[in-house]
């Protein structure tokens, strides 16, 4: 018997993430709605000082075969520290040109907390 694990729909995952941010005391909003079923999700952590960090889907190579349904993120911009929000917006414009189905969520947190459970370097 073949078992097929299904990943949580992007729309449901995003709604849960926004709720988690609120529970943790941070404001969060959906900036761009993507494909409800399987759109890639990008998270902007706005540090409220003109800088932030951008998280996006991790490369397929880092996925755990034991947990194939988990969403895993990596830092797309800001690995060495926060970057100007204008740089993040420019990168996301390129991403939407490449894939119009992406989701963009922005969370505001001065400390830079991301509230993501699975982040790889």
Protein backbone atom coordinates (compact mmCIF):
# COMPACT_ATOMS: atom_id res chain seq x y z
CA UNK A 1 0.00 0.00 0.00
CA UNK A 2 1.44 3.34 -1.08
CA UNK A 3 1.12 6.27 1.32
CA UNK A 4 1.08 9.73 -0.20
CA UNK A 5 1.75 12.60 2.18
CA UNK A 6 0.28 15.91 1.15
CA UNK A 7 1.71 19.30 1.95
CA UNK A 8 -0.57 21.82 3.62
CA UNK A 9 -2.06 24.24 1.07
CA UNK A 10 -0.19 27.53 0.84
CA UNK A 11 -3.25 29.60 1.73
CA UNK A 12 -3.84 27.64 4.92
CA UNK A 13 -0.15 27.71 5.88
CA UNK A 14 0.00 31.50 5.37
CA UNK A 15 -3.13 32.07 7.49
CA UNK A 16 -1.63 29.97 10.29
CA UNK A 17 1.70 31.83 10.05
CA UNK A 18 0.02 35.24 10.28
CA UNK A 19 -1.92 34.02 13.31
CA UNK A 20 1.31 32.77 14.91
CA UNK A 21 2.95 36.17 14.43
CA UNK A 22 0.03 37.83 16.22
CA UNK A 23 0.23 35.31 19.07
CA UNK A 24 3.93 36.15 19.44
CA UNK A 25 3.13 39.88 19.56
CA UNK A 26 4.19 40.86 16.04
CA UNK A 27 2.08 42.44 13.31
CA UNK A 28 1.89 40.45 10.06
CA UNK A 29 -0.01 40.86 6.81
CA UNK A 30 -0.33 39.15 3.45
CA UNK A 31 1.24 41.55 0.95
CA UNK A 32 0.58 39.35 -2.09
CA UNK A 33 -1.73 36.38 -2.44
CA UNK A 34 -0.36 33.57 -4.53
CA UNK A 35 -1.65 30.23 -5.75
CA UNK A 36 -3.93 28.83 -3.05
CA UNK A 37 -2.80 25.23 -3.49
CA UNK A 38 0.97 25.32 -3.86
CA UNK A 39 2.36 28.84 -4.35
CA UNK A 40 5.84 29.44 -2.97
CA UNK A 41 5.86 31.54 0.23
CA UNK A 42 8.27 34.40 0.92
CA UNK A 43 8.46 36.03 4.35
CA UNK A 44 9.74 39.59 4.90
CA UNK A 45 10.83 40.39 8.44
CA UNK A 46 10.63 44.19 8.63
CA UNK A 47 12.75 45.48 11.53
CA UNK A 48 10.96 48.87 11.45
CA UNK A 49 14.19 50.76 10.81
CA UNK A 50 14.25 50.56 6.99
CA UNK A 51 15.90 47.13 6.99
CA UNK A 52 14.80 43.54 7.05
CA UNK A 53 15.45 39.93 6.16
CA UNK A 54 13.82 37.91 3.39
CA UNK A 55 13.09 34.22 3.84
CA UNK A 56 12.04 31.95 0.98
CA UNK A 57 11.61 28.29 0.15
CA UNK A 58 14.73 26.22 0.75
CA UNK A 59 16.21 24.33 -2.21
CA UNK A 60 14.75 20.86 -2.79
CA UNK A 61 18.06 19.27 -1.78
CA UNK A 62 17.53 20.13 1.91
CA UNK A 63 14.13 18.49 2.30
CA UNK A 64 13.91 15.68 4.82
CA UNK A 65 12.52 12.52 3.25
CA UNK A 66 11.07 11.58 6.66
CA UNK A 67 9.12 14.87 6.75
CA UNK A 68 8.26 15.54 3.07
CA UNK A 69 5.29 17.76 3.91
CA UNK A 70 7.18 20.31 6.02
CA UNK A 71 7.84 23.77 4.61
CA UNK A 72 11.52 24.58 4.97
CA UNK A 73 12.84 28.13 4.59
CA UNK A 74 16.21 29.72 4.02
CA UNK A 75 17.43 33.30 4.18
CA UNK A 76 17.28 34.76 0.68
CA UNK A 77 18.52 38.26 1.61
CA UNK A 78 20.06 39.30 4.92
CA UNK A 79 22.21 36.30 5.79
CA UNK A 80 24.98 38.58 7.11
CA UNK A 81 22.50 40.95 8.78
CA UNK A 82 19.47 43.05 7.85
CA UNK A 83 19.44 44.61 4.36
CA UNK A 84 17.58 47.70 3.07
CA UNK A 85 13.88 47.00 2.47
CA UNK A 86 14.32 48.44 -1.05
CA UNK A 87 16.67 45.51 -1.83
CA UNK A 88 14.04 43.07 -0.61
CA UNK A 89 11.34 44.71 -2.72
CA UNK A 90 13.57 44.59 -5.82
CA UNK A 91 14.27 40.89 -5.27
CA UNK A 92 10.56 40.13 -4.82
CA UNK A 93 9.73 42.00 -8.03
CA UNK A 94 12.14 39.69 -9.87
CA UNK A 95 10.61 36.64 -8.13
CA UNK A 96 7.07 37.62 -9.14
CA UNK A 97 8.24 38.14 -12.72
CA UNK A 98 9.62 34.61 -12.68
CA UNK A 99 6.71 33.04 -10.74
CA UNK A 100 3.45 35.02 -10.50
CA UNK A 101 1.98 32.46 -8.06
CA UNK A 102 4.15 33.38 -5.06
CA UNK A 103 2.85 34.53 -1.70
CA UNK A 104 4.49 37.42 0.15
CA UNK A 105 3.92 37.89 3.88
CA UNK A 106 5.44 40.74 5.86
CA UNK A 107 5.94 40.61 9.60
CA UNK A 108 7.12 43.56 11.68
CA UNK A 109 9.48 42.80 14.54
CA UNK A 110 12.25 45.10 15.79
CA UNK A 111 14.20 42.10 17.10
CA UNK A 112 14.00 40.33 13.73
CA UNK A 113 12.18 37.25 15.05
CA UNK A 114 10.85 35.15 12.16
CA UNK A 115 8.57 32.58 13.89
CA UNK A 116 9.42 29.96 11.24
CA UNK A 117 9.83 26.42 12.54
CA UNK A 118 12.13 25.10 9.80
CA UNK A 119 14.96 27.39 8.68
CA UNK A 120 18.20 26.13 7.15
CA UNK A 121 21.36 28.14 6.50
